[in-house]
C-alpha atoms as a PDB file:
ATOM      1  CA  MET A   1     -65.033   8.633  25.979  1.00  0.00           C
ATOM      2  CA  ALA A   2     -66.494   7.504  22.738  1.00  0.00           C
ATOM      3  CA  THR A   3     -68.617  10.141  20.944  1.00  0.00           C
ATOM      4  CA  LYS A   4     -72.195   9.619  19.999  1.00  0.00           C
ATOM      5  CA  LYS A   5     -71.092   9.968  16.303  1.00  0.00           C
ATOM      6  CA  THR A   6     -68.635   7.150  16.524  1.00  0.00           C
ATOM      7  CA  ILE A   7     -70.965   4.852  18.449  1.00  0.00           C
ATOM      8  CA  GLU A   8     -73.641   5.571  15.750  1.00  0.00           C
ATOM      9  CA  LYS A   9     -71.144   4.832  12.903  1.00  0.00           C
ATOM     10  CA  LEU A  10     -70.196   1.491  14.547  1.00  0.00           C
ATOM     11  CA  ALA A  11     -73.892   0.636  14.693  1.00  0.00           C
ATOM     12  CA  GLU A  12     -74.877   1.568  11.144  1.00  0.00           C
ATOM     13  CA  CYS A  13     -75.366  -1.983  10.105  1.00  0.00           C
ATOM     14  CA  PHE A  14     -77.433  -2.932  13.112  1.00  0.00           C
ATOM     15  CA  PRO A  15     -79.041   0.243  14.453  1.00  0.00           C
ATOM     16  CA  ALA A  16     -80.734  -1.541  17.382  1.00  0.00           C
ATOM     17  CA  SER A  17     -77.338  -2.472  18.618  1.00  0.00           C
ATOM     18  CA  ARG A  18     -76.471   1.167  19.411  1.00  0.00           C
ATOM     19  CA  ALA A  19     -78.542   1.388  22.565  1.00  0.00           C
ATOM     20  CA  GLU A  20     -77.384  -1.975  24.072  1.00  0.00           C
ATOM     21  CA  HIS A  21     -74.609  -1.683  26.809  1.00  0.00           C
ATOM     22  CA  LEU A  22     -74.324   2.015  26.099  1.00  0.00           C
ATOM     23  CA  ASP A  23     -72.478   2.488  29.442  1.00  0.00           C
ATOM     24  CA  ILE A  24     -69.576   0.327  28.118  1.00  0.00           C
ATOM     25  CA  LYS A  25     -69.646   2.002  24.718  1.00  0.00           C
ATOM     26  CA  LYS A  26     -69.477   5.463  26.348  1.00  0.00           C
ATOM     27  CA  ALA A  27     -66.662   4.417  28.664  1.00  0.00           C
ATOM     28  CA  MET A  28     -64.498   3.339  25.717  1.00  0.00           C
ATOM     29  CA  PRO A  29     -61.857   6.009  24.772  1.00  0.00           C
ATOM     30  CA  GLU A  30     -62.713   7.714  21.434  1.00  0.00           C
ATOM     31  CA  ARG A  31     -59.391   6.611  19.932  1.00  0.00           C
ATOM     32  CA  GLU A  32     -60.187   2.883  20.627  1.00  0.00           C
ATOM     33  CA  ALA A  33     -63.618   3.156  19.338  1.00  0.00           C
ATOM     34  CA  LEU A  34     -62.263   4.689  16.127  1.00  0.00           C
ATOM     35  CA  GLN A  35     -59.589   1.920  15.986  1.00  0.00           C
ATOM     36  CA  LEU A  36     -62.467  -0.577  15.801  1.00  0.00           C
ATOM     37  CA  LEU A  37     -64.303   1.529  13.208  1.00  0.00           C
ATOM     38  CA  HIS A  38     -61.445   2.126  10.987  1.00  0.00           C
ATOM     39  CA  SER A  39     -60.379  -1.492  11.147  1.00  0.00           C
ATOM     40  CA  GLY A  40     -63.811  -2.513   9.749  1.00  0.00           C
ATOM     41  CA  PHE A  41     -65.585  -3.723  12.810  1.00  0.00           C
ATOM     42  CA  ILE A  42     -69.155  -3.200  13.419  1.00  0.00           C
ATOM     43  CA  ASP A  43     -71.357  -3.141  16.526  1.00  0.00           C
ATOM     44  CA  CYS A  44     -73.202  -6.472  16.781  1.00  0.00           C
ATOM     45  CA  THR A  45     -74.430  -6.113  20.371  1.00  0.00           C
ATOM     46  CA  TYR A  46     -77.717  -7.682  21.089  1.00  0.00           C
ATOM     47  CA  ARG A  47     -80.013  -7.376  24.139  1.00  0.00           C
ATOM     48  CA  HIS A  48     -79.145 -10.849  25.461  1.00  0.00           C
ATOM     49  CA  ASP A  49     -75.345 -10.158  25.217  1.00  0.00           C
ATOM     50  CA  GLU A  50     -73.453  -9.638  28.535  1.00  0.00           C
ATOM     51  CA  CYS A  51     -71.341  -6.801  27.087  1.00  0.00           C
ATOM     52  CA  ALA A  52     -70.645  -4.692  23.967  1.00  0.00           C
ATOM     53  CA  THR A  53     -69.600  -6.901  21.016  1.00  0.00           C
ATOM     54  CA  TYR A  54     -68.000  -6.135  17.647  1.00  0.00           C
ATOM     55  CA  TYR A  55     -67.032  -8.262  14.632  1.00  0.00           C
ATOM     56  CA  LEU A  56     -65.724  -7.815  11.105  1.00  0.00           C
ATOM     57  CA  ASN A  57     -68.717  -7.643   8.673  1.00  0.00           C
ATOM     58  CA  ARG A  58     -67.826 -10.410   6.212  1.00  0.00           C
ATOM     59  CA  GLU A  59     -68.984 -13.863   5.240  1.00  0.00           C
ATOM     60  CA  TRP A  60     -68.236 -16.250   8.100  1.00  0.00           C
ATOM     61  CA  CYS A  61     -69.078 -19.956   8.143  1.00  0.00           C
ATOM     62  CA  SER A  62     -72.428 -21.093   9.539  1.00  0.00           C
ATOM     63  CA  ASP A  63     -70.946 -21.512  12.965  1.00  0.00           C
ATOM     64  CA  GLY A  64     -71.016 -17.721  13.397  1.00  0.00           C
ATOM     65  CA  ALA A  65     -68.469 -15.003  13.648  1.00  0.00           C
ATOM     66  CA  PRO A  66     -65.640 -14.442  16.064  1.00  0.00           C
ATOM     67  CA  THR A  67     -66.080 -11.312  18.178  1.00  0.00           C
ATOM     68  CA  ILE A  68     -64.317  -8.700  20.164  1.00  0.00           C
ATOM     69  CA  ALA A  69     -66.349  -8.336  23.448  1.00  0.00           C
ATOM     70  CA  VAL A  70     -65.758  -5.162  25.495  1.00  0.00           C
ATOM     71  CA  ILE A  71     -66.337  -5.405  29.188  1.00  0.00           C
ATOM     72  CA  LEU A  72     -66.151  -2.827  31.978  1.00  0.00           C
ATOM     73  CA  ASP A  73     -64.340  -4.283  34.925  1.00  0.00           C
ATOM     74  CA  SER A  74     -63.663  -2.187  38.036  1.00  0.00           C
ATOM     75  CA  ASN A  75     -63.616   0.970  35.955  1.00  0.00           C
ATOM     76  CA  SER A  76     -61.270  -0.374  33.332  1.00  0.00           C
ATOM     77  CA  LEU A  77     -62.023  -1.885  29.898  1.00  0.00           C
ATOM     78  CA  LEU A  78     -61.011  -5.341  28.768  1.00  0.00           C
ATOM     79  CA  TYR A  79     -61.163  -6.428  25.125  1.00  0.00           C
ATOM     80  CA  ILE A  80     -61.951 -10.102  24.871  1.00  0.00           C
ATOM     81  CA  VAL A  81     -61.449 -11.982  21.646  1.00  0.00           C
ATOM     82  CA  CYS A  82     -63.890 -14.846  21.280  1.00  0.00           C
ATOM     83  CA  ASN A  83     -64.144 -17.550  18.684  1.00  0.00           C
ATOM     84  CA  SER A  84     -67.362 -18.262  16.791  1.00  0.00           C
ATOM     85  CA  CYS A  85     -68.546 -20.401  19.680  1.00  0.00           C
ATOM     86  CA  ASP A  86     -68.300 -17.416  22.066  1.00  0.00           C
ATOM     87  CA  MET A  87     -65.428 -18.987  23.914  1.00  0.00           C
ATOM     88  CA  GLU A  88     -62.718 -16.541  25.158  1.00  0.00           C
ATOM     89  CA  ILE A  89     -59.383 -17.193  23.541  1.00  0.00           C
ATOM     90  CA  ALA A  90     -57.440 -13.967  24.493  1.00  0.00           C
ATOM     91  CA  ASN A  91     -57.967 -10.728  26.253  1.00  0.00           C
ATOM     92  CA  PHE A  92     -56.240  -7.355  26.039  1.00  0.00           C
ATOM     93  CA  GLU A  93     -56.280  -3.949  27.716  1.00  0.00           C
ATOM     94  CA  SER A  94     -56.209  -2.213  24.355  1.00  0.00           C
ATOM     95  CA  ALA A  95     -58.456  -2.299  21.349  1.00  0.00           C
ATOM     96  CA  LEU A  96     -55.533  -2.259  18.927  1.00  0.00           C
ATOM     97  CA  LYS A  97     -53.935  -5.342  20.459  1.00  0.00           C
ATOM     98  CA  ALA A  98     -57.247  -7.164  20.298  1.00  0.00           C
ATOM     99  CA  ILE A  99     -57.828  -6.163  16.670  1.00  0.00           C
ATOM    100  CA  ASP A 100     -54.290  -7.308  15.707  1.00  0.00           C
ATOM    101  CA  PHE A 101     -54.799 -10.644  17.462  1.00  0.00           C
ATOM    102  CA  TYR A 102     -58.284 -11.077  15.917  1.00  0.00           C
ATOM    103  CA  LYS A 103     -57.002 -10.407  12.425  1.00  0.00           C
ATOM    104  CA  THR A 104     -54.024 -12.675  12.805  1.00  0.00           C
ATOM    105  CA  GLU A 105     -55.972 -15.541  14.371  1.00  0.00           C
ATOM    106  CA  PHE A 106     -59.003 -15.535  12.139  1.00  0.00           C
ATOM    107  CA  MET A 107     -57.804 -13.897   8.887  1.00  0.00           C
ATOM    108  CA  GLY A 108     -54.112 -14.786   8.770  1.00  0.00           C
ATOM    109  CA  SER A 109     -52.995 -11.262   8.671  1.00  0.00           C
ATOM    110  CA  LYS A 110     -52.884  -7.948  10.573  1.00  0.00           C
END
Protein backbone atom coordinates (compact mmCIF):
# COMPACT_ATOMS: atom_id res chain seq x y z
CA MET A 1 0.00 0.00 0.00
CA ALA A 2 1.41 3.39 -1.01
CA THR A 3 2.24 5.56 1.96
CA LYS A 4 0.82 9.02 2.52
CA LYS A 5 4.34 10.42 2.13
CA THR A 6 4.86 8.84 -1.31
CA ILE A 7 1.40 9.88 -2.50
CA GLU A 8 2.16 13.45 -1.40
CA LYS A 9 5.56 13.45 -3.13
CA LEU A 10 4.00 12.27 -6.39
CA ALA A 11 1.50 15.15 -6.12
CA GLU A 12 3.96 17.94 -5.26
CA CYS A 13 3.57 19.65 -8.66
CA PHE A 14 -0.24 19.45 -8.58
CA PRO A 15 -1.33 19.27 -4.91
CA ALA A 16 -5.03 19.11 -5.82
CA SER A 17 -4.34 15.80 -7.56
CA ARG A 18 -3.45 14.13 -4.28
CA ALA A 19 -7.06 13.65 -3.15
CA GLU A 20 -8.42 12.41 -6.48
CA HIS A 21 -8.92 8.63 -6.75
CA LEU A 22 -7.18 8.15 -3.43
CA ASP A 23 -8.59 4.62 -3.18
CA ILE A 24 -6.54 3.56 -6.21
CA LYS A 25 -3.42 5.33 -4.99
CA LYS A 26 -3.66 3.67 -1.58
CA ALA A 27 -4.14 0.26 -3.23
CA MET A 28 -0.91 0.66 -5.21
CA PRO A 29 2.01 -1.18 -3.60
CA GLU A 30 4.56 1.22 -2.08
CA ARG A 31 7.34 -0.21 -4.26
CA GLU A 32 5.36 0.56 -7.44
CA ALA A 33 4.47 4.07 -6.29
CA LEU A 34 8.18 4.63 -5.58
CA GLN A 35 9.07 3.31 -9.04
CA LEU A 36 6.84 5.98 -10.56
CA LEU A 37 8.33 8.65 -8.30
CA HIS A 38 11.97 7.69 -8.87
CA SER A 39 11.40 7.46 -12.62
CA GLY A 40 10.30 11.11 -12.67
CA PHE A 41 6.54 10.65 -12.93
CA ILE A 42 4.14 13.03 -11.23
CA ASP A 43 0.51 12.73 -10.28
CA CYS A 44 -1.67 14.57 -12.78
CA THR A 45 -5.03 13.16 -11.70
CA TYR A 46 -7.94 15.55 -12.10
CA ARG A 47 -11.48 15.35 -10.80
CA HIS A 48 -12.91 14.38 -14.18
CA ASP A 49 -10.41 11.54 -14.72
CA GLU A 50 -11.75 8.01 -14.42
CA CYS A 51 -8.64 6.79 -12.58
CA ALA A 52 -5.30 7.87 -11.14
CA THR A 53 -2.97 9.25 -13.83
CA TYR A 54 0.75 10.00 -13.98
CA TYR A 55 3.09 11.53 -16.56
CA LEU A 56 6.65 12.68 -16.93
CA ASN A 57 6.93 16.38 -16.17
CA ARG A 58 8.57 17.72 -19.30
CA GLU A 59 7.69 19.81 -22.31
CA TRP A 60 5.28 17.90 -24.51
CA CYS A 61 3.73 19.10 -27.76
CA SER A 62 0.48 21.04 -27.71
CA ASP A 63 -1.47 17.79 -28.15
CA GLY A 64 -0.82 16.92 -24.52
CA ALA A 65 1.24 14.40 -22.62
CA PRO A 66 1.10 10.62 -22.69
CA THR A 67 0.12 9.14 -19.35
CA ILE A 68 0.15 6.03 -17.25
CA ALA A 69 -3.36 5.47 -15.95
CA VAL A 70 -3.79 3.20 -12.95
CA ILE A 71 -7.08 1.40 -12.54
CA LEU A 72 -8.35 -0.93 -9.85
CA ASP A 73 -10.10 -3.87 -11.48
CA SER A 74 -11.46 -6.71 -9.34
CA ASN A 75 -8.98 -5.98 -6.54
CA SER A 76 -5.96 -5.91 -8.86
CA LEU A 77 -4.19 -2.93 -10.39
CA LEU A 78 -3.64 -2.40 -14.08
CA TYR A 79 -1.18 0.18 -15.45
CA ILE A 80 -2.43 1.51 -18.78
CA VAL A 81 -0.14 3.52 -21.04
CA CYS A 82 -2.10 6.10 -23.03
CA ASN A 83 -0.94 8.38 -25.81
CA SER A 84 -1.47 12.14 -25.79
CA CYS A 85 -5.04 11.63 -27.10
CA ASP A 86 -5.88 9.43 -24.08
CA MET A 87 -6.03 6.32 -26.26
CA GLU A 88 -4.83 3.12 -24.61
CA ILE A 89 -1.82 1.66 -26.38
CA ALA A 90 -0.64 -0.95 -23.85
CA ASN A 91 -1.43 -2.27 -20.40
CA PHE A 92 0.65 -3.98 -17.76
CA GLU A 93 0.28 -5.58 -14.36
CA SER A 94 3.38 -3.83 -13.02
CA ALA A 95 4.40 -0.20 -12.84
CA LEU A 96 7.96 -0.97 -13.92
CA LYS A 97 6.87 -2.61 -17.17
CA ALA A 98 4.55 0.33 -17.90
CA ILE A 99 7.35 2.82 -17.15
CA ASP A 100 9.81 1.00 -19.42
CA PHE A 101 7.25 0.86 -22.24
CA TYR A 102 6.35 4.55 -21.78
CA LYS A 103 9.97 5.66 -21.93
CA THR A 104 10.73 3.47 -24.97
CA GLU A 105 7.57 4.49 -26.82
CA PHE A 106 7.62 8.23 -26.12
CA MET A 107 11.23 9.05 -25.35
CA GLY A 108 13.19 6.46 -27.33
CA SER A 109 14.92 5.05 -24.27
CA LYS A 110 14.38 3.24 -21.00
